[in-house]
C-alpha cells in the first residue's frame, strides 16, 4: 500500500498520525493551530482520541514551544470526512485500508509475537541484573553461620545502605525485631523474629573465679535473617 500519510505506532500498539502531516495532506487553507483546535471542538477527547504534547521549535528558530498533536486513526478518519474534499475522501479511504490491514489476523499475531519477544528480553535483562544478588541470597540463606548484629550492619553497608551498629540496633528494636524493654531480655529477639527464623540466641556458660557460673545470651542473625534484612534495607532506600 502506497504511503500517503506517515503514521507511527505508540507503546500501546496504537497507530497515530501527526496532526501537521494530516493538515498538510488535506491542503486545508486555515492555519494549522486554528484548524486543529476547531476540529477538536467536534467532541474529541484528549488521551482518548488524540495525544497533545509540547515540543521545542527546531534550531535556529527558537521561540516558544509549540503544541503538537498525535491523532488516532479513528479520529483521523473523521477529520478527513469532515473536510468534504477529494483529498479528505482519499485520506479516509487510506485510513480505512490501513485499519483493516492493521487489524488483520496476521498483523495481530505479528504484534503479539513482538510484544512477547520484548517481554522476554526485559525479563532476561532483569534476571542478569539480579544474578549477583540472587547468588548472594542463595549462598547466605543456605549458610548455617549466624552473625552478630554489628556484622549485619557491615553487610548492609556493603550493599549500598549506610547504617552503623547502634542505629541498626535501634531500628530493630523500634520495628519489633528486638525486645526494647529494659531488663535481662533487652536486645534479645522478639517472638516474631524467632518465629520467622531471622534470629537465634547464642548461649555461653562462663565459669567465674569464685566457682559460680554465669550464662550470657547474645542475639545473632541467621542466614535467612541476613538475606531478609539486607533486602529490606535495599528496598526501603529505593
Protein backbone atom coordinates (compact mmCIF):
# COMPACT_ATOMS: atom_id res chain seq x y z
CA UNK A 1 0.00 0.00 0.00
CA UNK A 2 1.32 3.43 -1.01
CA UNK A 3 2.15 5.60 2.00
CA UNK A 4 0.05 8.74 1.66
CA UNK A 5 0.47 9.97 5.23
CA UNK A 6 3.20 8.89 7.64
CA UNK A 7 1.98 7.01 10.72
CA UNK A 8 3.70 5.95 13.93
CA UNK A 9 3.00 3.25 16.50
CA UNK A 10 2.97 4.08 20.21
CA UNK A 11 3.95 1.80 23.10
CA UNK A 12 0.34 0.56 23.37
CA UNK A 13 0.36 -0.72 19.80
CA UNK A 14 -1.92 2.07 18.51
CA UNK A 15 -1.41 3.76 15.12
CA UNK A 16 -1.13 7.55 15.30
CA UNK A 17 -0.93 10.35 12.74
CA UNK A 18 0.84 13.65 13.28
CA UNK A 19 -1.76 16.41 13.08
CA UNK A 20 0.50 18.62 10.98
CA UNK A 21 1.05 15.84 8.43
CA UNK A 22 -2.70 15.30 8.09
CA UNK A 23 -3.32 19.05 7.79
CA UNK A 24 -0.70 19.30 5.05
CA UNK A 25 -2.07 16.34 3.09
CA UNK A 26 -5.64 17.65 3.25
CA UNK A 27 -4.40 21.02 1.94
CA UNK A 28 -6.52 22.90 4.44
CA UNK A 29 -6.47 26.67 3.86
CA UNK A 30 -6.86 27.53 7.55
CA UNK A 31 -3.74 27.95 9.69
CA UNK A 32 -2.87 24.64 11.38
CA UNK A 33 -3.20 25.76 15.02
CA UNK A 34 -6.64 27.27 14.42
CA UNK A 35 -7.76 24.28 12.35
CA UNK A 36 -6.76 21.59 14.86
CA UNK A 37 -8.32 23.48 17.77
CA UNK A 38 -11.57 23.83 15.83
CA UNK A 39 -11.53 20.15 14.86
CA UNK A 40 -11.07 19.09 18.49
CA UNK A 41 -14.23 21.03 19.38
CA UNK A 42 -16.28 18.44 17.45
CA UNK A 43 -16.16 16.37 20.63
CA UNK A 44 -12.80 14.60 20.53
CA UNK A 45 -11.19 13.86 23.88
CA UNK A 46 -7.58 14.24 24.94
CA UNK A 47 -5.80 10.93 25.70
CA UNK A 48 -8.76 9.09 24.16
CA UNK A 49 -8.83 10.31 20.55
CA UNK A 50 -5.56 12.23 20.47
CA UNK A 51 -2.42 12.99 22.49
CA UNK A 52 -1.05 16.53 22.82
CA UNK A 53 2.47 17.43 23.86
CA UNK A 54 4.81 20.42 23.94
CA UNK A 55 7.73 20.45 21.53
CA UNK A 56 10.62 22.91 21.24
CA UNK A 57 10.95 24.83 17.99
CA UNK A 58 13.78 23.47 15.82
CA UNK A 59 17.02 25.43 15.62
CA UNK A 60 17.77 28.16 14.61
CA UNK A 61 14.20 29.47 15.01
CA UNK A 62 13.90 29.23 18.80
CA UNK A 63 10.85 30.87 20.29
CA UNK A 64 8.14 29.38 22.44
CA UNK A 65 7.49 25.60 22.35
CA UNK A 66 4.64 24.55 20.08
CA UNK A 67 1.75 22.24 20.99
CA UNK A 68 1.77 19.14 18.81
CA UNK A 69 -0.95 16.52 18.33
CA UNK A 70 -0.78 12.81 17.60
CA UNK A 71 -4.15 11.66 16.36
CA UNK A 72 -5.56 8.13 16.49
CA UNK A 73 -6.72 6.55 13.24
CA UNK A 74 -10.41 6.68 14.24
CA UNK A 75 -10.18 10.45 14.74
CA UNK A 76 -8.10 10.92 11.58
CA UNK A 77 -10.84 9.20 9.54
CA UNK A 78 -13.49 11.54 10.92
CA UNK A 79 -11.38 14.66 10.36
CA UNK A 80 -10.78 13.57 6.77
CA UNK A 81 -14.51 13.07 6.18
CA UNK A 82 -15.40 16.45 7.75
CA UNK A 83 -13.28 18.29 5.14
CA UNK A 84 -15.68 17.23 2.32
CA UNK A 85 -12.94 17.35 -0.29
CA UNK A 86 -11.32 14.91 -2.68
CA UNK A 87 -8.21 14.89 -0.52
CA UNK A 88 -10.37 14.20 2.55
CA UNK A 89 -12.08 11.30 0.78
CA UNK A 90 -8.74 9.88 -0.31
CA UNK A 91 -7.31 10.16 3.22
CA UNK A 92 -10.37 8.48 4.75
CA UNK A 93 -10.13 5.51 2.34
CA UNK A 94 -6.41 5.29 3.09
CA UNK A 95 -7.04 5.13 6.84
CA UNK A 96 -9.80 2.55 6.39
CA UNK A 97 -7.47 0.34 4.37
CA UNK A 98 -4.67 0.87 6.90
CA UNK A 99 -7.03 -0.05 9.75
CA UNK A 100 -8.15 -3.25 8.00
CA UNK A 101 -4.57 -4.35 7.42
CA UNK A 102 -3.58 -3.38 10.99
CA UNK A 103 -6.37 -5.49 12.46
CA UNK A 104 -5.85 -8.50 10.18
CA UNK A 105 -5.13 -11.82 11.98
CA UNK A 106 -1.59 -11.81 10.57
CA UNK A 107 -0.79 -8.34 11.94
CA UNK A 108 -2.43 -9.09 15.29
CA UNK A 109 -0.29 -12.24 15.60
CA UNK A 110 2.83 -10.35 14.49
CA UNK A 111 2.32 -7.67 17.16
CA UNK A 112 1.60 -10.31 19.81
CA UNK A 113 4.85 -12.11 18.99
CA UNK A 114 6.81 -8.85 19.01
CA UNK A 115 5.31 -7.95 22.39
CA UNK A 116 6.12 -11.40 23.80
CA UNK A 117 9.69 -11.13 22.49
CA UNK A 118 10.07 -7.70 24.10
CA UNK A 119 8.79 -9.01 27.46
CA UNK A 120 11.21 -11.97 27.31
CA UNK A 121 14.13 -9.59 26.69
CA UNK A 122 13.02 -7.35 29.58
CA UNK A 123 12.84 -10.34 31.92
CA UNK A 124 16.23 -11.60 30.72
CA UNK A 125 17.78 -8.18 31.44
CA UNK A 126 16.20 -8.06 34.90
CA UNK A 127 17.45 -11.57 35.64
CA UNK A 128 21.01 -10.62 34.56
CA UNK A 129 20.89 -7.57 36.84
CA UNK A 130 19.59 -9.65 39.74
CA UNK A 131 22.05 -12.54 39.28
CA UNK A 132 24.68 -11.32 41.78
CA UNK A 133 22.03 -10.65 44.42
CA UNK A 134 20.34 -14.00 43.83
CA UNK A 135 23.67 -15.78 44.18
CA UNK A 136 24.38 -13.85 47.38
CA UNK A 137 20.93 -14.64 48.78
CA UNK A 138 21.17 -18.33 48.00
CA UNK A 139 24.66 -18.63 49.46
CA UNK A 140 23.85 -16.74 52.65
CA UNK A 141 20.45 -18.33 53.24
CA UNK A 142 21.93 -21.80 52.87
CA UNK A 143 24.68 -20.94 55.31
CA UNK A 144 24.48 -22.28 58.85
CA UNK A 145 26.66 -19.40 60.02
CA UNK A 146 24.87 -16.85 62.17
CA UNK A 147 26.44 -13.42 62.57
CA UNK A 148 26.36 -10.63 65.14
CA UNK A 149 24.22 -7.52 64.57
CA UNK A 150 27.38 -5.44 64.16
CA UNK A 151 28.42 -7.73 61.30
CA UNK A 152 24.93 -7.41 59.79
CA UNK A 153 25.32 -3.61 59.72
CA UNK A 154 28.56 -4.05 57.72
CA UNK A 155 26.82 -6.44 55.34
CA UNK A 156 24.01 -3.93 54.77
CA UNK A 157 26.57 -1.18 54.15
CA UNK A 158 28.33 -3.36 51.56
CA UNK A 159 25.01 -3.49 49.72
CA UNK A 160 24.69 0.27 49.49
CA UNK A 161 22.90 1.33 52.70
CA UNK A 162 24.99 3.20 55.25
CA UNK A 163 23.82 2.21 58.73
CA UNK A 164 26.01 1.71 61.79
CA UNK A 165 25.66 -0.87 64.53
CA UNK A 166 23.95 1.43 67.04
CA UNK A 167 21.39 2.71 64.53
CA UNK A 168 20.70 -0.84 63.41
CA UNK A 169 20.07 -1.96 66.99
CA UNK A 170 17.68 0.98 67.41
CA UNK A 171 15.88 0.18 64.14
CA UNK A 172 15.47 -3.49 65.10
CA UNK A 173 14.00 -2.50 68.47
CA UNK A 174 11.62 0.09 67.02
CA UNK A 175 10.40 -2.32 64.33
CA UNK A 176 9.66 -5.19 66.69
CA UNK A 177 12.60 -7.49 65.97
CA UNK A 178 14.42 -6.95 69.28
CA UNK A 179 12.98 -6.61 72.78
CA UNK A 180 13.24 -2.97 73.81
CA UNK A 181 12.06 -3.22 77.44
CA UNK A 182 14.94 -2.77 79.87
CA UNK A 183 15.86 -5.90 81.79
CA UNK A 184 17.60 -9.20 81.25
CA UNK A 185 15.83 -9.70 77.88
CA UNK A 186 16.86 -6.32 76.45
CA UNK A 187 18.09 -6.64 72.82
CA UNK A 188 17.15 -10.31 72.63
CA UNK A 189 15.00 -11.48 69.70
CA UNK A 190 11.24 -11.00 69.94
CA UNK A 191 8.93 -13.95 69.39
CA UNK A 192 8.24 -12.52 65.92
CA UNK A 193 11.94 -12.78 64.99
CA UNK A 194 12.18 -16.31 66.34
CA UNK A 195 9.04 -17.45 64.52
CA UNK A 196 10.36 -16.04 61.24
CA UNK A 197 13.72 -17.76 61.89
CA UNK A 198 15.54 -14.46 61.39
CA UNK A 199 17.46 -14.59 64.65
CA UNK A 200 18.69 -17.07 67.21
CA UNK A 201 20.28 -16.84 70.64
CA UNK A 202 23.83 -17.92 71.31
CA UNK A 203 24.19 -19.08 74.92
CA UNK A 204 27.57 -19.17 76.58
CA UNK A 205 28.41 -20.54 80.02
CA UNK A 206 31.20 -18.76 81.91
CA UNK A 207 32.83 -20.26 84.99
CA UNK A 208 33.75 -17.44 87.34
CA UNK A 209 36.86 -17.49 89.56
CA UNK A 210 34.74 -17.79 92.68
CA UNK A 211 33.22 -21.02 91.39
CA UNK A 212 29.92 -19.52 90.32
CA UNK A 213 28.55 -19.98 86.83
CA UNK A 214 27.30 -17.17 84.61
CA UNK A 215 25.24 -17.66 81.42
CA UNK A 216 25.35 -14.98 78.71
CA UNK A 217 22.90 -14.71 75.81
CA UNK A 218 23.78 -12.99 72.56
CA UNK A 219 21.46 -12.23 69.66
CA UNK A 220 22.71 -13.50 66.31
CA UNK A 221 21.29 -13.16 62.77
CA UNK A 222 20.63 -16.39 60.87
CA UNK A 223 21.42 -16.87 57.17
CA UNK A 224 17.74 -16.37 56.40
CA UNK A 225 17.73 -13.23 58.54
CA UNK A 226 20.77 -11.79 56.75
CA UNK A 227 19.00 -12.07 53.38
CA UNK A 228 15.77 -10.70 54.85
CA UNK A 229 17.30 -7.59 56.44
CA UNK A 230 19.68 -6.77 53.56
CA UNK A 231 16.79 -6.92 51.07
CA UNK A 232 14.53 -4.94 53.38
CA UNK A 233 17.01 -2.07 53.68
CA UNK A 234 17.79 -2.10 49.94
CA UNK A 235 14.08 -1.92 49.05
CA UNK A 236 13.37 0.85 51.58
CA UNK A 237 16.12 3.01 50.11
CA UNK A 238 14.80 2.66 46.51
